[in-house]
Amino acid sequence: MAYMEVLLREDIDNLGHRGQIVRVRAGYGRNYLLPQGLAIQATTGNKRMIDEQRRVLAKHELRERDRAQRQSENIGGLELRFDRKVGEHGILYGSVTTLDIAEALKERGHTVERRRIGLREPIKALGEYDVTIKLHREVSPTIKVHVRKEGAAEVAASEPASTAEETPQETVVETAAPADESEEASEE
């Protein structure tokens, strides 16, 4: 079998990190890595260019890690809710995919590529899931994804609202009463 050496321009799972020279099958390199811009061929004529590429990639790596760290602080702990139609046995009619999660993140102002969302297979059942987002090989925040029954969202939304309305009123009454007593005490 024919092999070739390439310099990786991006991190590729199960292959290597950016700036690393790896040996891959010729077809994989020619048909996927090179056309996608994920790697450049490591030939003897490209050796000087490869050394320069490594320096450029090292600087780029630092900038990207800092950017990923800042984005991680904003995304970490984020919770996304998806309401889906559910069949009789609790199975979703439509699953929650990486595309759904990427669009929900975009609506909240966070642009994340689908391939960076660590969801091995689409979510097909109700529940709460932890999803890792790989912003950088060293930075991977986790978000919570809640999948609920479509009709249950309205009931759940109305219950906390009524509880939330009652709680502040009680709090206001409790905080207002001691303030009145202290005013009366100071007037006497």
C-alpha atoms as a PDB file:
ATOM      1  CA  MET A   1       0.000   0.000   0.000  1.00  0.00           C
ATOM      2  CA  ALA A   2       1.164   3.495  -0.787  1.00  0.00           C
ATOM      3  CA  TYR A   3       1.738   6.007   1.980  1.00  0.00           C
ATOM      4  CA  MET A   4       2.618   9.683   2.064  1.00  0.00           C
ATOM      5  CA  GLU A   5       3.784  12.148   4.691  1.00  0.00           C
ATOM      6  CA  VAL A   6       1.768  15.292   5.339  1.00  0.00           C
ATOM      7  CA  LEU A   7       1.991  18.279   7.668  1.00  0.00           C
ATOM      8  CA  LEU A   8      -1.301  18.723   9.500  1.00  0.00           C
ATOM      9  CA  ARG A   9      -2.759  22.229   9.410  1.00  0.00           C
ATOM     10  CA  GLU A  10      -5.628  21.321  11.766  1.00  0.00           C
ATOM     11  CA  ASP A  11      -6.112  18.916  14.680  1.00  0.00           C
ATOM     12  CA  ILE A  12      -7.584  15.672  13.386  1.00  0.00           C
ATOM     13  CA  ASP A  13      -8.948  13.098  15.818  1.00  0.00           C
ATOM     14  CA  ASN A  14      -7.107   9.773  15.814  1.00  0.00           C
ATOM     15  CA  LEU A  15      -4.439  11.169  13.476  1.00  0.00           C
ATOM     16  CA  GLY A  16      -2.478  14.020  15.032  1.00  0.00           C
ATOM     17  CA  HIS A  17      -2.225  17.644  16.089  1.00  0.00           C
ATOM     18  CA  ARG A  18      -1.654  20.785  14.078  1.00  0.00           C
ATOM     19  CA  GLY A  19       1.967  21.195  12.965  1.00  0.00           C
ATOM     20  CA  GLN A  20       2.746  17.499  13.223  1.00  0.00           C
ATOM     21  CA  ILE A  21       4.109  15.454  10.296  1.00  0.00           C
ATOM     22  CA  VAL A  22       2.210  12.178   9.993  1.00  0.00           C
ATOM     23  CA  ARG A  23       2.246   9.230   7.630  1.00  0.00           C
ATOM     24  CA  VAL A  24      -1.134   8.502   6.027  1.00  0.00           C
ATOM     25  CA  ARG A  25      -2.400   6.378   3.190  1.00  0.00           C
ATOM     26  CA  ALA A  26      -1.948   8.100  -0.140  1.00  0.00           C
ATOM     27  CA  GLY A  27      -5.643   8.020  -1.045  1.00  0.00           C
ATOM     28  CA  TYR A  28      -6.697   9.555   2.271  1.00  0.00           C
ATOM     29  CA  GLY A  29      -4.116  12.292   1.884  1.00  0.00           C
ATOM     30  CA  ARG A  30      -4.791  13.063  -1.788  1.00  0.00           C
ATOM     31  CA  ASN A  31      -8.561  12.738  -1.702  1.00  0.00           C
ATOM     32  CA  TYR A  32      -9.423  14.229   1.688  1.00  0.00           C
ATOM     33  CA  LEU A  33      -6.663  15.949   3.665  1.00  0.00           C
ATOM     34  CA  LEU A  34      -5.076  17.976   0.855  1.00  0.00           C
ATOM     35  CA  PRO A  35      -8.297  19.163  -0.903  1.00  0.00           C
ATOM     36  CA  GLN A  36      -9.930  20.123   2.421  1.00  0.00           C
ATOM     37  CA  GLY A  37      -6.882  22.210   3.359  1.00  0.00           C
ATOM     38  CA  LEU A  38      -6.322  20.117   6.486  1.00  0.00           C
ATOM     39  CA  ALA A  39      -2.750  19.209   5.503  1.00  0.00           C
ATOM     40  CA  ILE A  40       0.044  19.942   3.047  1.00  0.00           C
ATOM     41  CA  GLN A  41       2.268  17.323   1.489  1.00  0.00           C
ATOM     42  CA  ALA A  42       5.648  16.884   3.210  1.00  0.00           C
ATOM     43  CA  THR A  43       7.981  16.489   0.246  1.00  0.00           C
ATOM     44  CA  THR A  44      11.703  17.278   0.158  1.00  0.00           C
ATOM     45  CA  GLY A  45      10.939  20.458  -1.775  1.00  0.00           C
ATOM     46  CA  ASN A  46       8.483  21.565   0.907  1.00  0.00           C
ATOM     47  CA  LYS A  47      10.827  21.063   3.898  1.00  0.00           C
ATOM     48  CA  ARG A  48      11.712  24.790   4.245  1.00  0.00           C
ATOM     49  CA  MET A  49       8.109  25.752   3.795  1.00  0.00           C
ATOM     50  CA  ILE A  50       7.140  23.174   6.438  1.00  0.00           C
ATOM     51  CA  ASP A  51       9.539  24.702   8.990  1.00  0.00           C
ATOM     52  CA  GLU A  52       8.025  28.133   8.329  1.00  0.00           C
ATOM     53  CA  GLN A  53       4.529  26.643   8.534  1.00  0.00           C
ATOM     54  CA  ARG A  54       5.345  25.184  11.952  1.00  0.00           C
ATOM     55  CA  ARG A  55       6.380  28.608  13.278  1.00  0.00           C
ATOM     56  CA  VAL A  56       3.254  30.215  11.869  1.00  0.00           C
ATOM     57  CA  LEU A  57       1.098  27.404  13.256  1.00  0.00           C
ATOM     58  CA  ALA A  58       2.681  27.765  16.706  1.00  0.00           C
ATOM     59  CA  LYS A  59       1.731  31.475  16.822  1.00  0.00           C
ATOM     60  CA  HIS A  60      -1.706  30.683  15.464  1.00  0.00           C
ATOM     61  CA  GLU A  61      -2.071  27.965  18.115  1.00  0.00           C
ATOM     62  CA  LEU A  62      -1.483  30.456  20.949  1.00  0.00           C
ATOM     63  CA  ARG A  63      -4.013  32.927  19.580  1.00  0.00           C
ATOM     64  CA  GLU A  64      -6.581  30.214  18.987  1.00  0.00           C
ATOM     65  CA  ARG A  65      -6.161  28.735  22.476  1.00  0.00           C
ATOM     66  CA  ASP A  66      -6.672  32.166  24.063  1.00  0.00           C
ATOM     67  CA  ARG A  67      -9.764  32.766  21.929  1.00  0.00           C
ATOM     68  CA  ALA A  68     -11.107  29.315  22.810  1.00  0.00           C
ATOM     69  CA  GLN A  69     -10.485  29.959  26.518  1.00  0.00           C
ATOM     70  CA  ARG A  70     -12.481  33.206  26.396  1.00  0.00           C
ATOM     71  CA  GLN A  71     -15.299  31.530  24.488  1.00  0.00           C
ATOM     72  CA  SER A  72     -15.245  28.626  26.946  1.00  0.00           C
ATOM     73  CA  GLU A  73     -15.874  30.995  29.841  1.00  0.00           C
ATOM     74  CA  ASN A  74     -19.005  32.257  28.071  1.00  0.00           C
ATOM     75  CA  ILE A  75     -20.282  28.843  26.974  1.00  0.00           C
ATOM     76  CA  GLY A  76     -19.380  26.756  30.037  1.00  0.00           C
ATOM     77  CA  GLY A  77     -22.418  25.831  32.101  1.00  0.00           C
ATOM     78  CA  LEU A  78     -24.863  26.975  29.410  1.00  0.00           C
ATOM     79  CA  GLU A  79     -28.176  25.129  29.317  1.00  0.00           C
ATOM     80  CA  LEU A  80     -30.148  24.509  26.129  1.00  0.00           C
ATOM     81  CA  ARG A  81     -33.753  23.313  26.059  1.00  0.00           C
ATOM     82  CA  PHE A  82     -35.367  21.489  23.168  1.00  0.00           C
ATOM     83  CA  ASP A  83     -39.074  20.682  23.019  1.00  0.00           C
ATOM     84  CA  ARG A  84     -39.879  17.718  20.772  1.00  0.00           C
ATOM     85  CA  LYS A  85     -42.941  15.644  19.933  1.00  0.00           C
ATOM     86  CA  VAL A  86     -42.915  12.311  21.726  1.00  0.00           C
ATOM     87  CA  GLY A  87     -44.509   8.985  20.822  1.00  0.00           C
ATOM     88  CA  GLU A  88     -46.354   6.629  23.172  1.00  0.00           C
ATOM     89  CA  HIS A  89     -43.204   4.927  24.449  1.00  0.00           C
ATOM     90  CA  GLY A  90     -41.244   8.117  25.134  1.00  0.00           C
ATOM     91  CA  ILE A  91     -39.341   7.999  21.848  1.00  0.00           C
ATOM     92  CA  LEU A  92     -38.845  11.297  20.055  1.00  0.00           C
ATOM     93  CA  TYR A  93     -40.300  11.810  16.587  1.00  0.00           C
ATOM     94  CA  GLY A  94     -37.416  14.106  15.730  1.00  0.00           C
ATOM     95  CA  SER A  95     -34.014  13.698  17.345  1.00  0.00           C
ATOM     96  CA  VAL A  96     -31.749  16.476  18.632  1.00  0.00           C
ATOM     97  CA  THR A  97     -28.638  16.636  16.448  1.00  0.00           C
ATOM     98  CA  THR A  98     -25.401  18.582  16.393  1.00  0.00           C
ATOM     99  CA  LEU A  99     -27.029  20.937  13.871  1.00  0.00           C
ATOM    100  CA  ASP A 100     -29.829  21.725  16.363  1.00  0.00           C
ATOM    101  CA  ILE A 101     -27.304  22.415  19.114  1.00  0.00           C
ATOM    102  CA  ALA A 102     -25.141  24.590  16.825  1.00  0.00           C
ATOM    103  CA  GLU A 103     -28.188  26.646  15.787  1.00  0.00           C
ATOM    104  CA  ALA A 104     -29.320  27.063  19.395  1.00  0.00           C
ATOM    105  CA  LEU A 105     -25.836  28.245  20.354  1.00  0.00           C
ATOM    106  CA  LYS A 106     -25.824  30.651  17.405  1.00  0.00           C
ATOM    107  CA  GLU A 107     -29.146  32.132  18.580  1.00  0.00           C
ATOM    108  CA  ARG A 108     -27.449  32.869  21.900  1.00  0.00           C
ATOM    109  CA  GLY A 109     -24.516  34.544  20.165  1.00  0.00           C
ATOM    110  CA  HIS A 110     -21.957  31.685  20.187  1.00  0.00           C
ATOM    111  CA  THR A 111     -20.704  30.471  16.806  1.00  0.00           C
ATOM    112  CA  VAL A 112     -19.553  26.854  17.010  1.00  0.00           C
ATOM    113  CA  GLU A 113     -18.925  24.477  14.113  1.00  0.00           C
ATOM    114  CA  ARG A 114     -21.041  21.309  14.104  1.00  0.00           C
ATOM    115  CA  ARG A 115     -17.988  19.061  14.004  1.00  0.00           C
ATOM    116  CA  ARG A 116     -16.756  20.541  17.298  1.00  0.00           C
ATOM    117  CA  ILE A 117     -19.885  19.418  19.182  1.00  0.00           C
ATOM    118  CA  GLY A 118     -19.127  16.130  20.933  1.00  0.00           C
ATOM    119  CA  LEU A 119     -22.344  14.260  20.303  1.00  0.00           C
ATOM    120  CA  ARG A 120     -21.612  10.708  19.142  1.00  0.00           C
ATOM    121  CA  GLU A 121     -25.142  10.080  17.937  1.00  0.00           C
ATOM    122  CA  PRO A 122     -28.330  12.149  17.869  1.00  0.00           C
ATOM    123  CA  ILE A 123     -30.357  12.363  21.089  1.00  0.00           C
ATOM    124  CA  LYS A 124     -33.506  10.271  20.639  1.00  0.00           C
ATOM    125  CA  ALA A 125     -34.994  10.187  24.134  1.00  0.00           C
ATOM    126  CA  LEU A 126     -36.253  12.652  26.728  1.00  0.00           C
ATOM    127  CA  GLY A 127     -33.873  13.676  29.455  1.00  0.00           C
ATOM    128  CA  GLU A 128     -30.879  15.740  30.417  1.00  0.00           C
ATOM    129  CA  TYR A 129     -27.552  15.304  28.625  1.00  0.00           C
ATOM    130  CA  ASP A 130     -24.043  16.684  29.076  1.00  0.00           C
ATOM    131  CA  VAL A 131     -22.527  17.662  25.736  1.00  0.00           C
ATOM    132  CA  THR A 132     -18.860  18.562  25.353  1.00  0.00           C
ATOM    133  CA  ILE A 133     -17.858  21.231  22.875  1.00  0.00           C
ATOM    134  CA  LYS A 134     -14.290  20.913  21.638  1.00  0.00           C
ATOM    135  CA  LEU A 135     -13.235  24.509  21.011  1.00  0.00           C
ATOM    136  CA  HIS A 136      -9.551  23.587  21.110  1.00  0.00           C
ATOM    137  CA  ARG A 137      -7.691  20.382  21.908  1.00  0.00           C
ATOM    138  CA  GLU A 138      -6.999  21.756  25.415  1.00  0.00           C
ATOM    139  CA  VAL A 139     -10.305  23.638  25.900  1.00  0.00           C
ATOM    140  CA  SER A 140     -13.552  21.650  26.017  1.00  0.00           C
ATOM    141  CA  PRO A 141     -16.429  23.190  27.986  1.00  0.00           C
ATOM    142  CA  THR A 142     -19.550  21.174  28.789  1.00  0.00           C
ATOM    143  CA  ILE A 143     -23.116  22.360  28.280  1.00  0.00           C
ATOM    144  CA  LYS A 144     -26.388  20.832  29.443  1.00  0.00           C
ATOM    145  CA  VAL A 145     -29.016  19.843  26.891  1.00  0.00           C
ATOM    146  CA  HIS A 146     -32.555  19.315  28.187  1.00  0.00           C
ATOM    147  CA  VAL A 147     -34.948  17.444  25.895  1.00  0.00           C
ATOM    148  CA  ARG A 148     -38.564  17.790  26.997  1.00  0.00           C
ATOM    149  CA  LYS A 149     -41.958  16.737  25.737  1.00  0.00           C
ATOM    150  CA  GLU A 150     -43.448  19.465  23.560  1.00  0.00           C
ATOM    151  CA  GLY A 151     -46.690  19.930  25.566  1.00  0.00           C
ATOM    152  CA  ALA A 152     -44.936  19.648  28.940  1.00  0.00           C
ATOM    153  CA  ALA A 153     -43.010  22.874  28.375  1.00  0.00           C
ATOM    154  CA  GLU A 154     -46.152  24.996  28.671  1.00  0.00           C
ATOM    155  CA  VAL A 155     -47.242  23.308  31.916  1.00  0.00           C
ATOM    156  CA  ALA A 156     -43.750  23.514  33.407  1.00  0.00           C
ATOM    157  CA  ALA A 157     -43.429  27.151  32.351  1.00  0.00           C
ATOM    158  CA  SER A 158     -46.701  28.128  34.025  1.00  0.00           C
ATOM    159  CA  GLU A 159     -45.936  26.385  37.334  1.00  0.00           C
ATOM    160  CA  PRO A 160     -42.601  28.096  38.087  1.00  0.00           C
ATOM    161  CA  ALA A 161     -44.088  31.444  37.046  1.00  0.00           C
ATOM    162  CA  SER A 162     -46.847  31.206  39.668  1.00  0.00           C
ATOM    163  CA  THR A 163     -44.337  30.071  42.309  1.00  0.00           C
ATOM    164  CA  ALA A 164     -42.005  32.891  41.346  1.00  0.00           C
ATOM    165  CA  GLU A 165     -44.850  35.401  41.669  1.00  0.00           C
ATOM    166  CA  GLU A 166     -45.768  34.205  45.161  1.00  0.00           C
ATOM    167  CA  THR A 167     -42.232  34.101  46.506  1.00  0.00           C
ATOM    168  CA  PRO A 168     -41.333  37.770  45.879  1.00  0.00           C
ATOM    169  CA  GLN A 169     -44.603  38.937  47.457  1.00  0.00           C
ATOM    170  CA  GLU A 170     -43.903  36.965  50.608  1.00  0.00           C
ATOM    171  CA  THR A 171     -40.360  38.266  50.659  1.00  0.00           C
ATOM    172  CA  VAL A 172     -41.536  41.836  50.221  1.00  0.00           C
ATOM    173  CA  VAL A 173     -44.010  41.444  53.083  1.00  0.00           C
ATOM    174  CA  GLU A 174     -41.358  39.936  55.336  1.00  0.00           C
ATOM    175  CA  THR A 175     -38.785  42.609  54.528  1.00  0.00           C
ATOM    176  CA  ALA A 176     -41.328  45.433  54.719  1.00  0.00           C
ATOM    177  CA  ALA A 177     -42.639  44.458  58.174  1.00  0.00           C
ATOM    178  CA  PRO A 178     -39.332  44.785  60.058  1.00  0.00           C
ATOM    179  CA  ALA A 179     -38.652  48.093  58.289  1.00  0.00           C
ATOM    180  CA  ASP A 180     -42.021  49.499  59.504  1.00  0.00           C
ATOM    181  CA  GLU A 181     -41.375  48.357  63.053  1.00  0.00           C
ATOM    182  CA  SER A 182     -37.959  49.993  63.056  1.00  0.00           C
ATOM    183  CA  GLU A 183     -39.462  53.264  61.770  1.00  0.00           C
ATOM    184  CA  GLU A 184     -42.094  53.218  64.500  1.00  0.00           C
ATOM    185  CA  ALA A 185     -39.430  52.524  67.119  1.00  0.00           C
ATOM    186  CA  SER A 186     -37.321  55.429  65.871  1.00  0.00           C
ATOM    187  CA  GLU A 187     -40.338  57.824  65.876  1.00  0.00           C
ATOM    188  CA  GLU A 188     -41.107  57.143  69.556  1.00  0.00           C
END
